[in-house]
PDB file of N, CA and C in Angstrom:
ATOM      1  N   UNK A   1       0.748  16.523  16.715  1.00  0.00           N
ATOM      2  CA  UNK A   1       0.281  15.592  15.847  1.00  0.00           C
ATOM      3  C   UNK A   1       0.576  14.388  16.432  1.00  0.00           C
ATOM      4  N   UNK A   2      -0.301  13.270  16.776  1.00  0.00           N
ATOM      5  CA  UNK A   2       0.139  11.976  17.054  1.00  0.00           C
ATOM      6  C   UNK A   2      -0.416  11.131  16.220  1.00  0.00           C
ATOM      7  N   UNK A   3       0.585  10.390  16.005  1.00  0.00           N
ATOM      8  CA  UNK A   3       0.441   9.457  14.716  1.00  0.00           C
ATOM      9  C   UNK A   3      -0.009   8.119  15.200  1.00  0.00           C
ATOM     10  N   UNK A   4      -1.007   7.336  14.641  1.00  0.00           N
ATOM     11  CA  UNK A   4      -1.377   6.181  15.097  1.00  0.00           C
ATOM     12  C   UNK A   4      -0.166   5.090  14.737  1.00  0.00           C
ATOM     13  N   UNK A   5      -0.210   3.915  15.130  1.00  0.00           N
ATOM     14  CA  UNK A   5       1.199   2.769  14.811  1.00  0.00           C
ATOM     15  C   UNK A   5       0.991   2.685  13.334  1.00  0.00           C
ATOM     16  N   UNK A   6      -0.270   2.239  12.921  1.00  0.00           N
ATOM     17  CA  UNK A   6      -0.283   2.015  11.504  1.00  0.00           C
ATOM     18  C   UNK A   6      -0.020   3.017  10.416  1.00  0.00           C
ATOM     19  N   UNK A   7      -0.210   4.308  10.955  1.00  0.00           N
ATOM     20  CA  UNK A   7       0.131   5.442  10.257  1.00  0.00           C
ATOM     21  C   UNK A   7       1.797   5.568  10.054  1.00  0.00           C
ATOM     22  N   UNK A   8       2.422   4.975  11.054  1.00  0.00           N
ATOM     23  CA  UNK A   8       4.097   5.360  10.720  1.00  0.00           C
ATOM     24  C   UNK A   8       4.442   4.706   9.568  1.00  0.00           C
ATOM     25  N   UNK A   9       3.979   3.605   9.104  1.00  0.00           N
ATOM     26  CA  UNK A   9       4.308   2.730   7.901  1.00  0.00           C
ATOM     27  C   UNK A   9       4.521   3.816   6.763  1.00  0.00           C
ATOM     28  N   UNK A  10       3.214   4.155   6.586  1.00  0.00           N
ATOM     29  CA  UNK A  10       2.861   5.116   5.359  1.00  0.00           C
ATOM     30  C   UNK A  10       3.419   6.606   5.441  1.00  0.00           C
ATOM     31  N   UNK A  11       3.649   6.986   6.567  1.00  0.00           N
ATOM     32  CA  UNK A  11       4.442   8.315   6.774  1.00  0.00           C
ATOM     33  C   UNK A  11       5.792   8.012   6.379  1.00  0.00           C
ATOM     34  N   UNK A  12       6.403   6.999   6.906  1.00  0.00           N
ATOM     35  CA  UNK A  12       7.864   6.410   6.737  1.00  0.00           C
ATOM     36  C   UNK A  12       8.021   6.288   5.201  1.00  0.00           C
ATOM     37  N   UNK A  13       7.159   5.644   4.480  1.00  0.00           N
ATOM     38  CA  UNK A  13       7.154   5.650   3.037  1.00  0.00           C
ATOM     39  C   UNK A  13       7.229   6.921   2.296  1.00  0.00           C
ATOM     40  N   UNK A  14       6.322   7.874   2.616  1.00  0.00           N
ATOM     41  CA  UNK A  14       6.276   9.110   2.155  1.00  0.00           C
ATOM     42  C   UNK A  14       7.560   9.988   2.505  1.00  0.00           C
ATOM     43  N   UNK A  15       8.031   9.918   3.580  1.00  0.00           N
ATOM     44  CA  UNK A  15       9.544  10.410   3.878  1.00  0.00           C
ATOM     45  C   UNK A  15      10.641   9.996   2.821  1.00  0.00           C
ATOM     46  N   UNK A  16      10.574   8.646   2.793  1.00  0.00           N
ATOM     47  CA  UNK A  16      11.590   7.971   1.909  1.00  0.00           C
ATOM     48  C   UNK A  16      11.368   8.446   0.486  1.00  0.00           C
ATOM     49  N   UNK A  17      10.250   8.551  -0.003  1.00  0.00           N
ATOM     50  CA  UNK A  17      10.071   9.099  -1.351  1.00  0.00           C
ATOM     51  C   UNK A  17      10.392  10.378  -1.443  1.00  0.00           C
ATOM     52  N   UNK A  18      10.214  11.350  -0.424  1.00  0.00           N
ATOM     53  CA  UNK A  18      10.539  12.822  -0.370  1.00  0.00           C
ATOM     54  C   UNK A  18      11.993  13.064  -0.424  1.00  0.00           C
ATOM     55  N   UNK A  19      12.841  12.024   0.251  1.00  0.00           N
ATOM     56  CA  UNK A  19      14.284  12.107   0.363  1.00  0.00           C
ATOM     57  C   UNK A  19      14.765  11.663  -1.239  1.00  0.00           C
ATOM     58  N   UNK A  20      14.019  10.864  -1.869  1.00  0.00           N
ATOM     59  CA  UNK A  20      14.471  10.483  -3.177  1.00  0.00           C
ATOM     60  C   UNK A  20      14.328  11.390  -4.003  1.00  0.00           C
ATOM     61  N   UNK A  21      13.336  12.463  -3.724  1.00  0.00           N
ATOM     62  CA  UNK A  21      12.972  13.468  -4.581  1.00  0.00           C
ATOM     63  C   UNK A  21      13.930  14.349  -4.590  1.00  0.00           C
ATOM     64  N   UNK A  22      14.617  14.619  -3.444  1.00  0.00           N
ATOM     65  CA  UNK A  22      15.499  15.604  -3.102  1.00  0.00           C
ATOM     66  C   UNK A  22      16.942  15.247  -3.527  1.00  0.00           C
ATOM     67  N   UNK A  23      17.060  13.868  -4.000  1.00  0.00           N
ATOM     68  CA  UNK A  23      18.391  13.499  -4.324  1.00  0.00           C
ATOM     69  C   UNK A  23      19.225  12.809  -3.271  1.00  0.00           C
ATOM     70  N   UNK A  24      18.524  12.445  -2.089  1.00  0.00           N
ATOM     71  CA  UNK A  24      19.317  11.979  -1.083  1.00  0.00           C
ATOM     72  C   UNK A  24      19.028  10.467  -1.207  1.00  0.00           C
ATOM     73  N   UNK A  25      20.171   9.596  -0.680  1.00  0.00           N
ATOM     74  CA  UNK A  25      20.033   8.057  -0.717  1.00  0.00           C
ATOM     75  C   UNK A  25      19.556   7.862   0.610  1.00  0.00           C
ATOM     76  N   UNK A  26      18.727   7.006   0.952  1.00  0.00           N
ATOM     77  CA  UNK A  26      18.479   6.620   2.419  1.00  0.00           C
ATOM     78  C   UNK A  26      19.012   5.047   2.672  1.00  0.00           C
ATOM     79  N   UNK A  27      19.884   5.000   3.615  1.00  0.00           N
ATOM     80  CA  UNK A  27      20.569   3.769   3.905  1.00  0.00           C
ATOM     81  C   UNK A  27      20.349   3.416   5.345  1.00  0.00           C
ATOM     82  N   UNK A  28      20.142   2.148   5.402  1.00  0.00           N
ATOM     83  CA  UNK A  28      19.807   1.444   6.679  1.00  0.00           C
ATOM     84  C   UNK A  28      21.140   0.674   7.062  1.00  0.00           C
ATOM     85  N   UNK A  29      21.903   0.877   8.081  1.00  0.00           N
ATOM     86  CA  UNK A  29      23.010   0.389   8.674  1.00  0.00           C
ATOM     87  C   UNK A  29      23.049  -0.220  10.125  1.00  0.00           C
ATOM     88  N   UNK A  30      23.812  -1.130  10.315  1.00  0.00           N
ATOM     89  CA  UNK A  30      23.967  -1.731  11.862  1.00  0.00           C
ATOM     90  C   UNK A  30      24.996  -0.786  12.389  1.00  0.00           C
ATOM     91  N   UNK A  31      24.903  -0.668  13.739  1.00  0.00           N
ATOM     92  CA  UNK A  31      25.838   0.219  14.488  1.00  0.00           C
ATOM     93  C   UNK A  31      25.513   0.575  15.731  1.00  0.00           C
ATOM     94  N   UNK A  32      26.496   1.354  16.343  1.00  0.00           N
ATOM     95  CA  UNK A  32      26.049   1.956  17.622  1.00  0.00           C
ATOM     96  C   UNK A  32      25.804   3.596  17.348  1.00  0.00           C
ATOM     97  N   UNK A  33      24.928   3.966  16.595  1.00  0.00           N
ATOM     98  CA  UNK A  33      24.613   5.371  16.242  1.00  0.00           C
ATOM     99  C   UNK A  33      23.006   5.502  15.938  1.00  0.00           C
ATOM    100  N   UNK A  34      22.686   6.746  16.169  1.00  0.00           N
ATOM    101  CA  UNK A  34      21.085   7.021  15.965  1.00  0.00           C
ATOM    102  C   UNK A  34      20.944   7.151  14.503  1.00  0.00           C
ATOM    103  N   UNK A  35      21.643   8.020  13.676  1.00  0.00           N
ATOM    104  CA  UNK A  35      21.421   8.150  12.315  1.00  0.00           C
ATOM    105  C   UNK A  35      21.270   9.641  11.880  1.00  0.00           C
ATOM    106  N   UNK A  36      21.537   9.960  10.720  1.00  0.00           N
ATOM    107  CA  UNK A  36      20.856  11.343  10.417  1.00  0.00           C
ATOM    108  C   UNK A  36      21.611  11.714   8.875  1.00  0.00           C
ATOM    109  N   UNK A  37      21.620  12.975   8.556  1.00  0.00           N
ATOM    110  CA  UNK A  37      21.955  13.346   7.159  1.00  0.00           C
ATOM    111  C   UNK A  37      23.420  13.611   7.110  1.00  0.00           C
ATOM    112  N   UNK A  38      24.081  13.274   6.013  1.00  0.00           N
ATOM    113  CA  UNK A  38      25.505  13.758   5.852  1.00  0.00           C
ATOM    114  C   UNK A  38      25.770  13.625   4.395  1.00  0.00           C
ATOM    115  N   UNK A  39      26.840  14.225   4.097  1.00  0.00           N
ATOM    116  CA  UNK A  39      27.176  14.304   2.687  1.00  0.00           C
ATOM    117  C   UNK A  39      28.516  13.448   2.467  1.00  0.00           C
ATOM    118  N   UNK A  40      28.396  12.360   1.668  1.00  0.00           N
ATOM    119  CA  UNK A  40      29.392  11.394   1.385  1.00  0.00           C
ATOM    120  C   UNK A  40      29.976  11.415   0.069  1.00  0.00           C
ATOM    121  N   UNK A  41      31.061  11.940  -0.238  1.00  0.00           N
ATOM    122  CA  UNK A  41      31.813  12.111  -1.430  1.00  0.00           C
ATOM    123  C   UNK A  41      30.622  12.833  -2.532  1.00  0.00           C
ATOM    124  N   UNK A  42      30.361  13.940  -2.101  1.00  0.00           N
ATOM    125  CA  UNK A  42      29.405  15.012  -2.636  1.00  0.00           C
ATOM    126  C   UNK A  42      27.783  14.389  -2.828  1.00  0.00           C
ATOM    127  N   UNK A  43      27.705  13.234  -2.435  1.00  0.00           N
ATOM    128  CA  UNK A  43      26.159  12.598  -2.217  1.00  0.00           C
ATOM    129  C   UNK A  43      25.611  12.691  -0.995  1.00  0.00           C
ATOM    130  N   UNK A  44      24.316  13.241  -1.078  1.00  0.00           N
ATOM    131  CA  UNK A  44      23.724  13.489  -0.076  1.00  0.00           C
ATOM    132  C   UNK A  44      23.113  12.050   0.373  1.00  0.00           C
ATOM    133  N   UNK A  45      23.402  11.666   1.808  1.00  0.00           N
ATOM    134  CA  UNK A  45      23.090  10.312   2.271  1.00  0.00           C
ATOM    135  C   UNK A  45      22.236  10.657   3.551  1.00  0.00           C
ATOM    136  N   UNK A  46      21.348   9.546   3.941  1.00  0.00           N
ATOM    137  CA  UNK A  46      20.629   9.794   5.127  1.00  0.00           C
ATOM    138  C   UNK A  46      20.716   8.229   5.590  1.00  0.00           C
ATOM    139  N   UNK A  47      21.654   8.262   6.922  1.00  0.00           N
ATOM    140  CA  UNK A  47      21.935   6.848   7.390  1.00  0.00           C
ATOM    141  C   UNK A  47      20.906   6.678   8.463  1.00  0.00           C
ATOM    142  N   UNK A  48      20.046   5.426   8.802  1.00  0.00           N
ATOM    143  CA  UNK A  48      19.329   5.197   9.607  1.00  0.00           C
ATOM    144  C   UNK A  48      19.548   3.838  10.242  1.00  0.00           C
ATOM    145  N   UNK A  49      19.728   3.919  11.543  1.00  0.00           N
ATOM    146  CA  UNK A  49      20.157   2.376  12.210  1.00  0.00           C
ATOM    147  C   UNK A  49      19.017   1.653  11.983  1.00  0.00           C
ATOM    148  N   UNK A  50      19.346   0.354  11.399  1.00  0.00           N
ATOM    149  CA  UNK A  50      18.415  -0.621  10.749  1.00  0.00           C
ATOM    150  C   UNK A  50      17.845  -1.330  12.164  1.00  0.00           C
ATOM    151  N   UNK A  51      18.409  -1.198  13.377  1.00  0.00           N
ATOM    152  CA  UNK A  51      17.900  -1.853  14.494  1.00  0.00           C
ATOM    153  C   UNK A  51      16.713  -1.098  15.347  1.00  0.00           C
ATOM    154  N   UNK A  52      16.798   0.274  14.788  1.00  0.00           N
ATOM    155  CA  UNK A  52      15.590   0.879  15.457  1.00  0.00           C
ATOM    156  C   UNK A  52      14.190   0.807  15.104  1.00  0.00           C
ATOM    157  N   UNK A  53      13.309   0.940  16.121  1.00  0.00           N
ATOM    158  CA  UNK A  53      11.969   0.643  15.561  1.00  0.00           C
ATOM    159  C   UNK A  53      11.573   1.707  14.559  1.00  0.00           C
ATOM    160  N   UNK A  54      10.444   1.290  13.939  1.00  0.00           N
ATOM    161  CA  UNK A  54       9.601   2.197  12.999  1.00  0.00           C
ATOM    162  C   UNK A  54       9.342   3.430  13.405  1.00  0.00           C
ATOM    163  N   UNK A  55       8.947   3.830  14.659  1.00  0.00           N
ATOM    164  CA  UNK A  55       8.713   5.375  15.081  1.00  0.00           C
ATOM    165  C   UNK A  55      10.203   5.938  15.066  1.00  0.00           C
ATOM    166  N   UNK A  56      11.166   5.379  15.509  1.00  0.00           N
ATOM    167  CA  UNK A  56      12.346   6.044  15.573  1.00  0.00           C
ATOM    168  C   UNK A  56      12.869   6.347  14.422  1.00  0.00           C
ATOM    169  N   UNK A  57      13.042   5.539  13.407  1.00  0.00           N
ATOM    170  CA  UNK A  57      13.305   5.631  11.982  1.00  0.00           C
ATOM    171  C   UNK A  57      12.670   6.713  11.248  1.00  0.00           C
ATOM    172  N   UNK A  58      11.350   6.699  11.798  1.00  0.00           N
ATOM    173  CA  UNK A  58      10.291   8.117  11.212  1.00  0.00           C
ATOM    174  C   UNK A  58      10.984   9.192  11.603  1.00  0.00           C
ATOM    175  N   UNK A  59      11.402   9.325  13.061  1.00  0.00           N
ATOM    176  CA  UNK A  59      11.763  10.631  13.523  1.00  0.00           C
ATOM    177  C   UNK A  59      13.204  11.056  13.103  1.00  0.00           C
ATOM    178  N   UNK A  60      14.210   9.973  12.753  1.00  0.00           N
ATOM    179  CA  UNK A  60      15.440  10.331  12.174  1.00  0.00           C
ATOM    180  C   UNK A  60      15.402  10.631  10.774  1.00  0.00           C
ATOM    181  N   UNK A  61      14.476  10.085   9.999  1.00  0.00           N
ATOM    182  CA  UNK A  61      14.437  10.496   8.720  1.00  0.00           C
ATOM    183  C   UNK A  61      13.652  11.864   8.385  1.00  0.00           C
ATOM    184  N   UNK A  62      12.644  12.342   9.376  1.00  0.00           N
ATOM    185  CA  UNK A  62      12.060  13.482   9.347  1.00  0.00           C
ATOM    186  C   UNK A  62      13.255  14.549   9.812  1.00  0.00           C
ATOM    187  N   UNK A  63      13.985  14.453  10.880  1.00  0.00           N
ATOM    188  CA  UNK A  63      15.004  15.546  11.132  1.00  0.00           C
ATOM    189  C   UNK A  63      15.936  15.491   9.949  1.00  0.00           C
ATOM    190  N   UNK A  64      15.987  14.447   9.532  1.00  0.00           N
ATOM    191  CA  UNK A  64      17.280  14.797   8.454  1.00  0.00           C
ATOM    192  C   UNK A  64      16.692  15.416   7.331  1.00  0.00           C
ATOM    193  N   UNK A  65      15.539  15.154   7.004  1.00  0.00           N
ATOM    194  CA  UNK A  65      14.813  16.032   5.718  1.00  0.00           C
ATOM    195  C   UNK A  65      14.701  17.429   6.186  1.00  0.00           C
ATOM    196  N   UNK A  66      14.423  17.655   7.300  1.00  0.00           N
ATOM    197  CA  UNK A  66      14.283  19.286   7.668  1.00  0.00           C
ATOM    198  C   UNK A  66      15.649  19.873   7.538  1.00  0.00           C
ATOM    199  N   UNK A  67      16.685  18.919   8.119  1.00  0.00           N
ATOM    200  CA  UNK A  67      18.192  19.613   7.786  1.00  0.00           C
ATOM    201  C   UNK A  67      18.488  19.658   6.365  1.00  0.00           C
ATOM    202  N   UNK A  68      18.089  18.916   5.708  1.00  0.00           N
ATOM    203  CA  UNK A  68      18.283  18.955   4.184  1.00  0.00           C
ATOM    204  C   UNK A  68      17.709  20.125   3.498  1.00  0.00           C
ATOM    205  N   UNK A  69      16.568  20.474   4.040  1.00  0.00           N
ATOM    206  CA  UNK A  69      15.798  21.611   3.435  1.00  0.00           C
ATOM    207  C   UNK A  69      14.554  21.428   2.955  1.00  0.00           C
ATOM    208  N   UNK A  70      13.421  21.463   3.306  1.00  0.00           N
ATOM    209  CA  UNK A  70      12.287  21.144   2.762  1.00  0.00           C
ATOM    210  C   UNK A  70      11.135  22.384   2.715  1.00  0.00           C
ATOM    211  N   UNK A  71      11.898  23.608   3.010  1.00  0.00           N
ATOM    212  CA  UNK A  71      11.115  24.774   3.100  1.00  0.00           C
ATOM    213  C   UNK A  71      10.594  25.250   1.711  1.00  0.00           C
ATOM    214  N   UNK A  72      11.271  24.991   0.712  1.00  0.00           N
ATOM    215  CA  UNK A  72      10.996  25.598  -0.379  1.00  0.00           C
ATOM    216  C   UNK A  72      10.291  24.545  -1.359  1.00  0.00           C
ATOM    217  N   UNK A  73       9.780  23.399  -1.025  1.00  0.00           N
ATOM    218  CA  UNK A  73       9.137  22.660  -1.856  1.00  0.00           C
ATOM    219  C   UNK A  73       7.760  22.248  -1.232  1.00  0.00           C
ATOM    220  N   UNK A  74       6.691  21.878  -2.232  1.00  0.00           N
ATOM    221  CA  UNK A  74       5.271  21.685  -1.593  1.00  0.00           C
ATOM    222  C   UNK A  74       5.211  20.266  -0.950  1.00  0.00           C
ATOM    223  N   UNK A  75       4.714  20.355   0.323  1.00  0.00           N
ATOM    224  CA  UNK A  75       4.539  19.376   1.204  1.00  0.00           C
ATOM    225  C   UNK A  75       3.037  19.359   1.697  1.00  0.00           C
ATOM    226  N   UNK A  76       2.410  18.110   1.479  1.00  0.00           N
ATOM    227  CA  UNK A  76       0.995  18.342   2.109  1.00  0.00           C
ATOM    228  C   UNK A  76       1.147  18.781   3.541  1.00  0.00           C
ATOM    229  N   UNK A  77       0.114  19.422   3.880  1.00  0.00           N
ATOM    230  CA  UNK A  77       0.153  20.098   5.478  1.00  0.00           C
ATOM    231  C   UNK A  77       0.612  18.787   6.569  1.00  0.00           C
ATOM    232  N   UNK A  78       0.004  17.816   6.227  1.00  0.00           N
ATOM    233  CA  UNK A  78       0.186  16.665   7.387  1.00  0.00           C
ATOM    234  C   UNK A  78       1.602  16.332   7.433  1.00  0.00           C
ATOM    235  N   UNK A  79       2.320  16.228   6.007  1.00  0.00           N
ATOM    236  CA  UNK A  79       3.518  15.826   5.957  1.00  0.00           C
ATOM    237  C   UNK A  79       4.670  16.741   6.823  1.00  0.00           C
ATOM    238  N   UNK A  80       4.253  17.999   6.316  1.00  0.00           N
ATOM    239  CA  UNK A  80       5.199  19.104   6.785  1.00  0.00           C
ATOM    240  C   UNK A  80       4.990  19.125   8.294  1.00  0.00           C
ATOM    241  N   UNK A  81       3.923  19.080   8.979  1.00  0.00           N
ATOM    242  CA  UNK A  81       3.640  19.189  10.262  1.00  0.00           C
ATOM    243  C   UNK A  81       4.308  17.932  10.950  1.00  0.00           C
ATOM    244  N   UNK A  82       4.325  16.523  10.168  1.00  0.00           N
ATOM    245  CA  UNK A  82       5.075  15.568  10.668  1.00  0.00           C
ATOM    246  C   UNK A  82       6.494  15.841  10.901  1.00  0.00           C
ATOM    247  N   UNK A  83       6.888  16.483   9.805  1.00  0.00           N
ATOM    248  CA  UNK A  83       8.372  16.772   9.706  1.00  0.00           C
ATOM    249  C   UNK A  83       8.957  17.897  10.784  1.00  0.00           C
ATOM    250  N   UNK A  84       8.070  18.690  11.010  1.00  0.00           N
ATOM    251  CA  UNK A  84       8.330  20.044  11.829  1.00  0.00           C
ATOM    252  C   UNK A  84       8.511  19.240  13.344  1.00  0.00           C
ATOM    253  N   UNK A  85       7.349  18.446  13.813  1.00  0.00           N
ATOM    254  CA  UNK A  85       7.209  17.801  15.060  1.00  0.00           C
ATOM    255  C   UNK A  85       8.261  16.831  15.201  1.00  0.00           C
ATOM    256  N   UNK A  86       8.661  16.086  14.449  1.00  0.00           N
ATOM    257  CA  UNK A  86       9.288  14.904  14.725  1.00  0.00           C
ATOM    258  C   UNK A  86      10.730  15.595  14.810  1.00  0.00           C
ATOM    259  N   UNK A  87      11.248  16.374  13.915  1.00  0.00           N
ATOM    260  CA  UNK A  87      12.584  17.112  13.981  1.00  0.00           C
ATOM    261  C   UNK A  87      12.782  17.575  15.347  1.00  0.00           C
ATOM    262  N   UNK A  88      11.895  18.355  15.877  1.00  0.00           N
ATOM    263  CA  UNK A  88      11.956  18.986  17.393  1.00  0.00           C
ATOM    264  C   UNK A  88      12.089  18.002  18.385  1.00  0.00           C
ATOM    265  N   UNK A  89      11.440  16.643  18.159  1.00  0.00           N
ATOM    266  CA  UNK A  89      11.579  15.651  19.198  1.00  0.00           C
ATOM    267  C   UNK A  89      13.207  14.894  19.166  1.00  0.00           C
ATOM    268  N   UNK A  90      13.744  15.209  17.841  1.00  0.00           N
ATOM    269  CA  UNK A  90      15.014  14.580  17.735  1.00  0.00           C
ATOM    270  C   UNK A  90      15.977  14.883  18.638  1.00  0.00           C
TER     271      UNK A  90
END
């Protein structure tokens, strides 16, 4: 599935909402790292490099959500496809 540039913002916001639904905090930090999912003091945290472009941020968030586990919850087919494909590209 190819996303158009303008679809990335909408998809990114949907993924952020999903992360919140799953109880994960999404944080944007500066540094020399890609980002991803971790557990910090028993809290689920997804850290994303704030200097990355929107497409990269979307890919990192999708991969982190896949790792967090979205198999047992309902997602729109489009969002599930985005998560699967972007997690593979990660």
